[in-house]
Amino acid sequence: MISEKDIIDVVCDVLAEDKIMPLSESSAYKSGFYTQEKWIKSYSSLKSKKKFIAESDVRIAVKTGAGTLKIPKDAIIGPLALEIIQEKGIKLIRE
């Protein structure tokens, strides 16, 4: 009877020999999908020039005891970050 270990050994041997398709000819990249490009392009509408205020940024400020946060005028505040800001009563100053 063939065990799971035997099957794993056979698959590993075949992959090691590149019998299926050498990695250089394959179009499966790090993304895990078969794509024409190496990386999946982001379709985000956010512009990279805007600062994003995340929950972790606000939690760090809370730990240091900050009562106010100075953020860029065009910064985007994440929903969890905004919830913590409102909950803790932190004052936002947009510069």
N, C-alpha and C. Protein backbone atom coordinates (compact mmCIF):
# COMPACT_ATOMS: atom_id res chain seq x y z
N MET A 1 0.84 -1.18 0.00
CA MET A 1 0.00 0.00 0.00
C MET A 1 0.90 1.25 0.00
N ILE A 2 0.51 2.24 -0.75
CA ILE A 2 1.28 3.49 -0.86
C ILE A 2 0.87 4.41 0.28
N SER A 3 1.85 4.92 0.97
CA SER A 3 1.56 5.83 2.08
C SER A 3 1.64 7.28 1.59
N GLU A 4 1.21 8.18 2.43
CA GLU A 4 1.26 9.60 2.12
C GLU A 4 2.70 10.06 1.92
N LYS A 5 3.60 9.52 2.71
CA LYS A 5 5.03 9.86 2.60
C LYS A 5 5.58 9.46 1.25
N ASP A 6 5.17 8.28 0.72
CA ASP A 6 5.62 7.82 -0.59
C ASP A 6 5.16 8.78 -1.69
N ILE A 7 3.94 9.23 -1.60
CA ILE A 7 3.39 10.17 -2.60
C ILE A 7 4.15 11.49 -2.54
N ILE A 8 4.42 11.96 -1.35
CA ILE A 8 5.16 13.22 -1.18
C ILE A 8 6.56 13.09 -1.77
N ASP A 9 7.19 11.95 -1.53
CA ASP A 9 8.54 11.72 -2.08
C ASP A 9 8.53 11.75 -3.60
N VAL A 10 7.55 11.11 -4.21
CA VAL A 10 7.47 11.07 -5.68
C VAL A 10 7.24 12.47 -6.23
N VAL A 11 6.33 13.22 -5.64
CA VAL A 11 6.04 14.58 -6.10
C VAL A 11 7.27 15.46 -5.97
N CYS A 12 7.97 15.36 -4.85
CA CYS A 12 9.18 16.16 -4.63
C CYS A 12 10.26 15.80 -5.65
N ASP A 13 10.40 14.51 -5.95
CA ASP A 13 11.40 14.08 -6.94
C ASP A 13 11.08 14.65 -8.32
N VAL A 14 9.83 14.59 -8.70
CA VAL A 14 9.43 15.09 -10.02
C VAL A 14 9.64 16.60 -10.09
N LEU A 15 9.25 17.30 -9.06
CA LEU A 15 9.43 18.75 -9.06
C LEU A 15 10.91 19.13 -9.06
N ALA A 16 11.72 18.37 -8.37
CA ALA A 16 13.16 18.65 -8.31
C ALA A 16 13.83 18.46 -9.67
N GLU A 17 13.30 17.55 -10.48
CA GLU A 17 13.87 17.27 -11.80
C GLU A 17 13.34 18.21 -12.87
N ASP A 18 12.37 19.05 -12.54
CA ASP A 18 11.74 19.98 -13.49
C ASP A 18 11.16 19.25 -14.70
N LYS A 19 10.56 18.09 -14.46
CA LYS A 19 9.96 17.34 -15.57
C LYS A 19 8.67 18.00 -16.04
N ILE A 20 7.96 18.62 -15.10
CA ILE A 20 6.68 19.22 -15.48
C ILE A 20 6.91 20.47 -16.33
N MET A 21 7.53 21.47 -15.75
CA MET A 21 7.86 22.70 -16.45
C MET A 21 8.90 23.43 -15.64
N PRO A 22 10.02 23.76 -16.23
CA PRO A 22 11.03 24.50 -15.48
C PRO A 22 10.47 25.83 -15.00
N LEU A 23 10.92 26.26 -13.84
CA LEU A 23 10.42 27.50 -13.25
C LEU A 23 10.64 28.69 -14.17
N SER A 24 11.73 28.68 -14.95
CA SER A 24 12.02 29.80 -15.83
C SER A 24 11.01 29.93 -16.95
N GLU A 25 10.36 28.84 -17.34
CA GLU A 25 9.35 28.89 -18.41
C GLU A 25 7.95 29.07 -17.86
N SER A 26 7.78 28.88 -16.60
CA SER A 26 6.47 28.98 -15.98
C SER A 26 6.07 30.43 -15.81
N SER A 27 4.76 30.68 -15.85
CA SER A 27 4.30 32.04 -15.59
C SER A 27 3.61 32.12 -14.23
N ALA A 28 3.88 31.16 -13.37
CA ALA A 28 3.38 31.23 -12.01
C ALA A 28 4.43 31.95 -11.19
N TYR A 29 4.11 33.12 -10.77
CA TYR A 29 5.07 33.91 -10.02
C TYR A 29 4.73 33.87 -8.55
N LYS A 30 5.39 34.72 -7.77
CA LYS A 30 5.23 34.73 -6.33
C LYS A 30 3.79 34.98 -5.90
N SER A 31 3.01 35.58 -6.79
CA SER A 31 1.62 35.86 -6.45
C SER A 31 0.82 34.57 -6.31
N GLY A 32 1.32 33.46 -6.88
CA GLY A 32 0.61 32.20 -6.77
C GLY A 32 -0.36 31.97 -7.90
N PHE A 33 -0.55 32.95 -8.76
CA PHE A 33 -1.48 32.83 -9.87
C PHE A 33 -0.69 32.83 -11.17
N TYR A 34 -1.26 32.27 -12.19
CA TYR A 34 -0.63 32.30 -13.50
C TYR A 34 -0.99 33.63 -14.16
N THR A 35 -0.03 34.49 -14.22
CA THR A 35 -0.26 35.83 -14.77
C THR A 35 0.81 36.12 -15.81
N GLN A 36 0.57 37.15 -16.59
CA GLN A 36 1.54 37.54 -17.60
C GLN A 36 2.63 38.42 -17.00
N GLU A 37 2.34 39.03 -15.86
CA GLU A 37 3.31 39.90 -15.22
C GLU A 37 3.75 39.27 -13.91
N LYS A 38 4.94 39.66 -13.45
CA LYS A 38 5.49 39.06 -12.24
C LYS A 38 4.66 39.37 -11.00
N TRP A 39 4.13 40.56 -10.90
CA TRP A 39 3.35 40.96 -9.73
C TRP A 39 1.99 41.46 -10.17
N ILE A 40 0.99 41.22 -9.35
CA ILE A 40 -0.34 41.70 -9.64
C ILE A 40 -0.36 43.20 -9.35
N LYS A 41 -0.79 43.98 -10.33
CA LYS A 41 -0.83 45.43 -10.15
C LYS A 41 -1.93 45.80 -9.16
N SER A 42 -1.67 46.83 -8.40
CA SER A 42 -2.65 47.31 -7.45
C SER A 42 -3.70 48.13 -8.18
N TYR A 43 -4.94 47.93 -7.85
CA TYR A 43 -6.01 48.71 -8.44
C TYR A 43 -6.59 49.69 -7.43
N SER A 44 -5.79 50.04 -6.44
CA SER A 44 -6.23 50.95 -5.41
C SER A 44 -6.40 52.35 -5.97
N SER A 45 -7.37 53.07 -5.45
CA SER A 45 -7.59 54.45 -5.90
C SER A 45 -6.78 55.43 -5.06
N LEU A 46 -6.07 54.94 -4.03
CA LEU A 46 -5.26 55.83 -3.21
C LEU A 46 -4.02 56.26 -3.97
N LYS A 47 -3.69 57.51 -3.85
CA LYS A 47 -2.46 57.99 -4.46
C LYS A 47 -1.34 57.83 -3.44
N SER A 48 -0.18 57.45 -3.93
CA SER A 48 0.92 57.13 -3.03
C SER A 48 1.43 58.34 -2.26
N LYS A 49 1.09 59.55 -2.68
CA LYS A 49 1.60 60.74 -2.01
C LYS A 49 0.85 61.04 -0.71
N LYS A 50 -0.33 60.46 -0.56
CA LYS A 50 -1.11 60.72 0.65
C LYS A 50 -0.68 59.79 1.77
N LYS A 51 -0.62 60.30 2.97
CA LYS A 51 -0.26 59.51 4.16
C LYS A 51 -1.50 58.81 4.67
N PHE A 52 -1.36 57.55 5.02
CA PHE A 52 -2.46 56.78 5.58
C PHE A 52 -2.21 56.60 7.07
N ILE A 53 -3.16 57.01 7.88
CA ILE A 53 -3.07 56.86 9.33
C ILE A 53 -3.79 55.56 9.70
N ALA A 54 -3.01 54.60 10.15
CA ALA A 54 -3.56 53.28 10.49
C ALA A 54 -3.82 53.18 11.99
N GLU A 55 -4.52 52.13 12.35
CA GLU A 55 -4.83 51.85 13.75
C GLU A 55 -3.55 51.75 14.58
N SER A 56 -2.53 51.10 14.01
CA SER A 56 -1.28 50.92 14.76
C SER A 56 -0.60 52.26 15.06
N ASP A 57 -0.71 53.22 14.15
CA ASP A 57 -0.14 54.55 14.38
C ASP A 57 -0.80 55.23 15.58
N VAL A 58 -2.11 55.11 15.65
CA VAL A 58 -2.86 55.73 16.73
C VAL A 58 -2.59 55.02 18.05
N ARG A 59 -2.50 53.70 18.03
CA ARG A 59 -2.22 52.94 19.26
C ARG A 59 -0.85 53.31 19.83
N ILE A 60 0.12 53.53 18.97
CA ILE A 60 1.46 53.95 19.42
C ILE A 60 1.37 55.32 20.09
N ALA A 61 0.60 56.22 19.49
CA ALA A 61 0.44 57.56 20.07
C ALA A 61 -0.27 57.48 21.42
N VAL A 62 -1.25 56.59 21.54
CA VAL A 62 -1.98 56.42 22.80
C VAL A 62 -1.04 55.89 23.88
N LYS A 63 -0.18 54.95 23.53
CA LYS A 63 0.75 54.37 24.50
C LYS A 63 1.73 55.41 25.03
N THR A 64 2.10 56.36 24.18
CA THR A 64 3.04 57.40 24.61
C THR A 64 2.33 58.51 25.38
N GLY A 65 1.01 58.45 25.44
CA GLY A 65 0.25 59.43 26.20
C GLY A 65 -0.08 60.69 25.42
N ALA A 66 -0.01 60.65 24.12
CA ALA A 66 -0.30 61.83 23.30
C ALA A 66 -1.80 62.16 23.36
N GLY A 67 -2.10 63.42 23.59
CA GLY A 67 -3.49 63.88 23.60
C GLY A 67 -3.89 64.49 22.28
N THR A 68 -2.89 64.79 21.44
CA THR A 68 -3.16 65.35 20.11
C THR A 68 -2.29 64.62 19.08
N LEU A 69 -2.80 64.58 17.88
CA LEU A 69 -2.05 64.00 16.76
C LEU A 69 -1.94 65.03 15.66
N LYS A 70 -0.73 65.30 15.21
CA LYS A 70 -0.53 66.19 14.07
C LYS A 70 -0.37 65.32 12.84
N ILE A 71 -1.25 65.52 11.87
CA ILE A 71 -1.22 64.73 10.65
C ILE A 71 -1.24 65.66 9.44
N PRO A 72 -0.76 65.20 8.28
CA PRO A 72 -0.81 66.02 7.08
C PRO A 72 -2.25 66.37 6.69
N LYS A 73 -2.39 67.48 6.02
CA LYS A 73 -3.72 67.98 5.65
C LYS A 73 -4.48 66.98 4.78
N ASP A 74 -3.78 66.30 3.89
CA ASP A 74 -4.46 65.39 2.97
C ASP A 74 -4.39 63.92 3.42
N ALA A 75 -4.03 63.68 4.67
CA ALA A 75 -3.91 62.31 5.18
C ALA A 75 -5.26 61.61 5.20
N ILE A 76 -5.21 60.32 5.00
CA ILE A 76 -6.41 59.48 5.05
C ILE A 76 -6.36 58.71 6.36
N ILE A 77 -7.45 58.78 7.10
CA ILE A 77 -7.52 58.09 8.39
C ILE A 77 -8.34 56.83 8.22
N GLY A 78 -7.74 55.70 8.60
CA GLY A 78 -8.44 54.42 8.51
C GLY A 78 -9.60 54.36 9.49
N PRO A 79 -10.60 53.54 9.19
CA PRO A 79 -11.79 53.47 10.05
C PRO A 79 -11.49 53.04 11.48
N LEU A 80 -10.60 52.08 11.67
CA LEU A 80 -10.26 51.65 13.04
C LEU A 80 -9.49 52.73 13.77
N ALA A 81 -8.63 53.42 13.04
CA ALA A 81 -7.88 54.52 13.65
C ALA A 81 -8.83 55.63 14.10
N LEU A 82 -9.80 55.94 13.27
CA LEU A 82 -10.78 56.99 13.61
C LEU A 82 -11.60 56.58 14.82
N GLU A 83 -11.94 55.31 14.91
CA GLU A 83 -12.70 54.81 16.06
C GLU A 83 -11.91 54.99 17.36
N ILE A 84 -10.63 54.67 17.32
CA ILE A 84 -9.79 54.82 18.51
C ILE A 84 -9.62 56.29 18.87
N ILE A 85 -9.45 57.14 17.87
CA ILE A 85 -9.31 58.58 18.09
C ILE A 85 -10.54 59.13 18.80
N GLN A 86 -11.71 58.72 18.33
CA GLN A 86 -12.96 59.18 18.94
C GLN A 86 -13.14 58.60 20.33
N GLU A 87 -12.80 57.33 20.50
CA GLU A 87 -12.96 56.65 21.78
C GLU A 87 -12.07 57.26 22.86
N LYS A 88 -10.83 57.56 22.51
CA LYS A 88 -9.86 58.11 23.47
C LYS A 88 -9.92 59.62 23.59
N GLY A 89 -10.70 60.27 22.74
CA GLY A 89 -10.82 61.74 22.80
C GLY A 89 -9.56 62.46 22.34
N ILE A 90 -8.87 61.89 21.38
CA ILE A 90 -7.63 62.50 20.89
C ILE A 90 -7.97 63.62 19.91
N LYS A 91 -7.29 64.74 20.05
CA LYS A 91 -7.52 65.89 19.18
C LYS A 91 -6.64 65.75 17.94
N LEU A 92 -7.22 65.98 16.76
CA LEU A 92 -6.49 65.92 15.50
C LEU A 92 -6.14 67.32 15.03
N ILE A 93 -4.89 67.51 14.66
CA ILE A 93 -4.45 68.78 14.08
C ILE A 93 -3.94 68.47 12.69
N ARG A 94 -4.63 69.01 11.69
CA ARG A 94 -4.22 68.80 10.30
C ARG A 94 -3.35 69.97 9.86
N GLU A 95 -2.15 69.65 9.39
CA GLU A 95 -1.21 70.69 8.96
C GLU A 95 -1.07 70.70 7.47
